[in-house]
Amino acid sequence: MSRAPQNLLIPFRRDRKRDFAAGAGAELLASKVRQVLLTEGATPHSTGELPWRTSFGAGLSRLRHQRNDTVLAELARVYVRDALARWLPGVQIVQVTVEQDEGGHTLRIHIRTSNTSPNSVSLSIARSS
């Protein structure tokens, strides 16, 4: 009998045993997606957030302080799609939508894994301008 893969959840937090919390299934998938999307990768203006893998991340920080229009929403959608395809190849993107309002943007992402134990998760990441 095989167990579902288990790993540490990001951001790090403690569990009831005072150890780092680990998860599996949809919880682990959501953790991995958040880690990819909220990590700043290397750009012409920065060296990246992780010194051992400078290109890791989605580059969404490049969109801050830009004009809140449909072009920005499409760029965010493309950055998300490209980052997930590069850093989480076992993930299938079902839908990525960017909702705009006065205060900023909200990314709504629906994904699923394409391996033998399929998981599906929907995430919302909000960022005020």
Protein backbone atom coordinates (compact mmCIF):
# COMPACT_ATOMS: atom_id res chain seq x y z
CA MET A 1 0.00 0.00 0.00
CA SER A 2 1.55 3.31 -1.06
CA ARG A 3 1.16 6.54 0.85
CA ALA A 4 0.55 9.93 -0.69
CA PRO A 5 3.74 12.02 -0.90
CA GLN A 6 4.18 14.19 2.17
CA ASN A 7 6.37 17.25 2.59
CA LEU A 8 6.77 20.43 4.64
CA LEU A 9 4.13 23.11 4.18
CA ILE A 10 5.18 26.59 3.15
CA PRO A 11 5.11 29.07 4.88
CA PHE A 12 6.71 27.11 7.69
CA ARG A 13 4.51 26.66 10.73
CA ARG A 14 4.39 24.39 13.76
CA ASP A 15 2.02 21.47 14.16
CA ARG A 16 0.56 20.03 17.39
CA LYS A 17 3.75 18.06 18.06
CA ARG A 18 5.81 21.29 17.97
CA ASP A 19 7.45 20.13 14.76
CA PHE A 20 7.28 21.73 11.34
CA ALA A 21 3.88 21.04 9.81
CA ALA A 22 3.81 18.54 6.96
CA GLY A 23 0.98 17.95 4.53
CA ALA A 24 -0.14 15.84 1.62
CA GLY A 25 -2.68 15.99 -1.17
CA ALA A 26 -4.47 19.26 -1.85
CA GLU A 27 -2.88 21.01 1.14
CA LEU A 28 0.63 20.25 -0.14
CA LEU A 29 -0.30 21.24 -3.69
CA ALA A 30 -1.64 24.62 -2.51
CA SER A 31 1.55 25.15 -0.50
CA LYS A 32 3.76 24.46 -3.53
CA VAL A 33 1.77 26.81 -5.76
CA ARG A 34 1.92 29.62 -3.20
CA GLN A 35 5.67 29.13 -2.86
CA VAL A 36 6.22 29.42 -6.62
CA LEU A 37 3.93 32.42 -7.10
CA LEU A 38 5.02 34.46 -4.09
CA THR A 39 8.79 34.01 -4.53
CA GLU A 40 10.58 36.73 -6.45
CA GLY A 41 12.72 35.35 -9.26
CA ALA A 42 15.69 37.04 -10.88
CA THR A 43 14.89 40.02 -13.08
CA PRO A 44 17.04 42.65 -14.78
CA HIS A 45 16.56 44.72 -11.59
CA SER A 46 17.06 42.06 -8.88
CA THR A 47 19.10 38.93 -8.26
CA GLY A 48 16.21 36.80 -7.06
CA GLU A 49 15.04 35.85 -3.61
CA LEU A 50 16.71 32.44 -3.26
CA PRO A 51 20.52 32.60 -3.50
CA TRP A 52 20.79 28.92 -4.49
CA ARG A 53 18.19 29.15 -7.27
CA THR A 54 17.91 32.77 -8.33
CA SER A 55 15.50 32.20 -11.21
CA PHE A 56 12.91 30.38 -9.05
CA GLY A 57 9.59 32.23 -8.82
CA ALA A 58 6.88 33.84 -10.88
CA GLY A 59 8.08 37.42 -11.13
CA LEU A 60 4.73 38.85 -10.05
CA SER A 61 6.56 41.57 -8.10
CA ARG A 62 7.49 43.16 -11.45
CA LEU A 63 3.85 44.08 -11.88
CA ARG A 64 3.65 46.27 -8.79
CA HIS A 65 3.16 50.01 -9.28
CA GLN A 66 1.97 49.49 -12.84
CA ARG A 67 -1.19 50.75 -14.46
CA ASN A 68 -4.27 48.78 -13.35
CA ASP A 69 -5.63 47.79 -16.77
CA THR A 70 -6.41 44.70 -18.83
CA VAL A 71 -2.82 44.42 -20.09
CA LEU A 72 -1.56 44.11 -16.51
CA ALA A 73 -4.17 41.44 -15.76
CA GLU A 74 -3.13 39.45 -18.83
CA LEU A 75 0.56 39.77 -17.91
CA ALA A 76 -0.21 38.42 -14.42
CA ARG A 77 -2.10 35.49 -15.93
CA VAL A 78 0.80 34.70 -18.28
CA TYR A 79 3.40 34.97 -15.49
CA VAL A 80 1.36 32.52 -13.38
CA ARG A 81 0.92 30.09 -16.26
CA ASP A 82 4.60 30.16 -17.21
CA ALA A 83 5.91 29.84 -13.64
CA LEU A 84 3.65 26.89 -12.82
CA ALA A 85 4.58 25.16 -16.08
CA ARG A 86 8.28 25.62 -15.35
CA TRP A 87 8.47 24.89 -11.62
CA LEU A 88 5.57 22.48 -11.09
CA PRO A 89 5.47 20.36 -14.25
CA GLY A 90 3.09 17.80 -12.70
CA VAL A 91 0.38 20.45 -12.29
CA GLN A 92 -2.35 21.02 -14.83
CA ILE A 93 -3.80 24.53 -14.89
CA VAL A 94 -7.58 24.45 -15.19
CA GLN A 95 -8.23 28.18 -14.97
CA VAL A 96 -6.42 31.40 -14.06
CA THR A 97 -8.45 34.56 -13.68
CA VAL A 98 -7.42 38.03 -12.55
CA GLU A 99 -10.10 40.17 -10.97
CA GLN A 100 -9.50 43.91 -10.78
CA ASP A 101 -11.01 46.41 -8.41
CA GLU A 102 -10.12 49.79 -6.93
CA GLY A 103 -7.78 48.33 -4.31
CA GLY A 104 -5.77 45.99 -6.50
CA HIS A 105 -5.94 42.55 -8.04
CA THR A 106 -7.02 39.10 -6.95
CA LEU A 107 -5.60 36.03 -8.69
CA ARG A 108 -7.94 33.05 -8.73
CA ILE A 109 -6.21 29.85 -9.75
CA HIS A 110 -7.77 26.43 -10.19
CA ILE A 111 -5.29 23.60 -10.75
CA ARG A 112 -5.05 19.85 -10.51
CA THR A 113 -2.25 17.32 -10.53
CA SER A 114 -1.89 14.96 -13.43
CA ASN A 115 -0.31 12.05 -11.55
CA THR A 116 -1.78 8.79 -10.28
CA SER A 117 -3.43 10.34 -7.21
CA PRO A 118 -5.13 13.44 -8.66
CA ASN A 119 -5.72 16.42 -6.40
CA SER A 120 -7.56 19.58 -7.25
CA VAL A 121 -7.24 22.93 -5.51
CA SER A 122 -8.49 26.47 -5.98
CA LEU A 123 -6.41 29.37 -4.64
CA SER A 124 -7.02 33.07 -4.28
CA ILE A 125 -4.09 35.43 -3.86
CA ALA A 126 -4.98 39.07 -3.24
CA ARG A 127 -2.58 41.96 -3.37
CA SER A 128 -3.60 45.55 -2.77
CA SER A 129 -1.86 48.22 -4.78
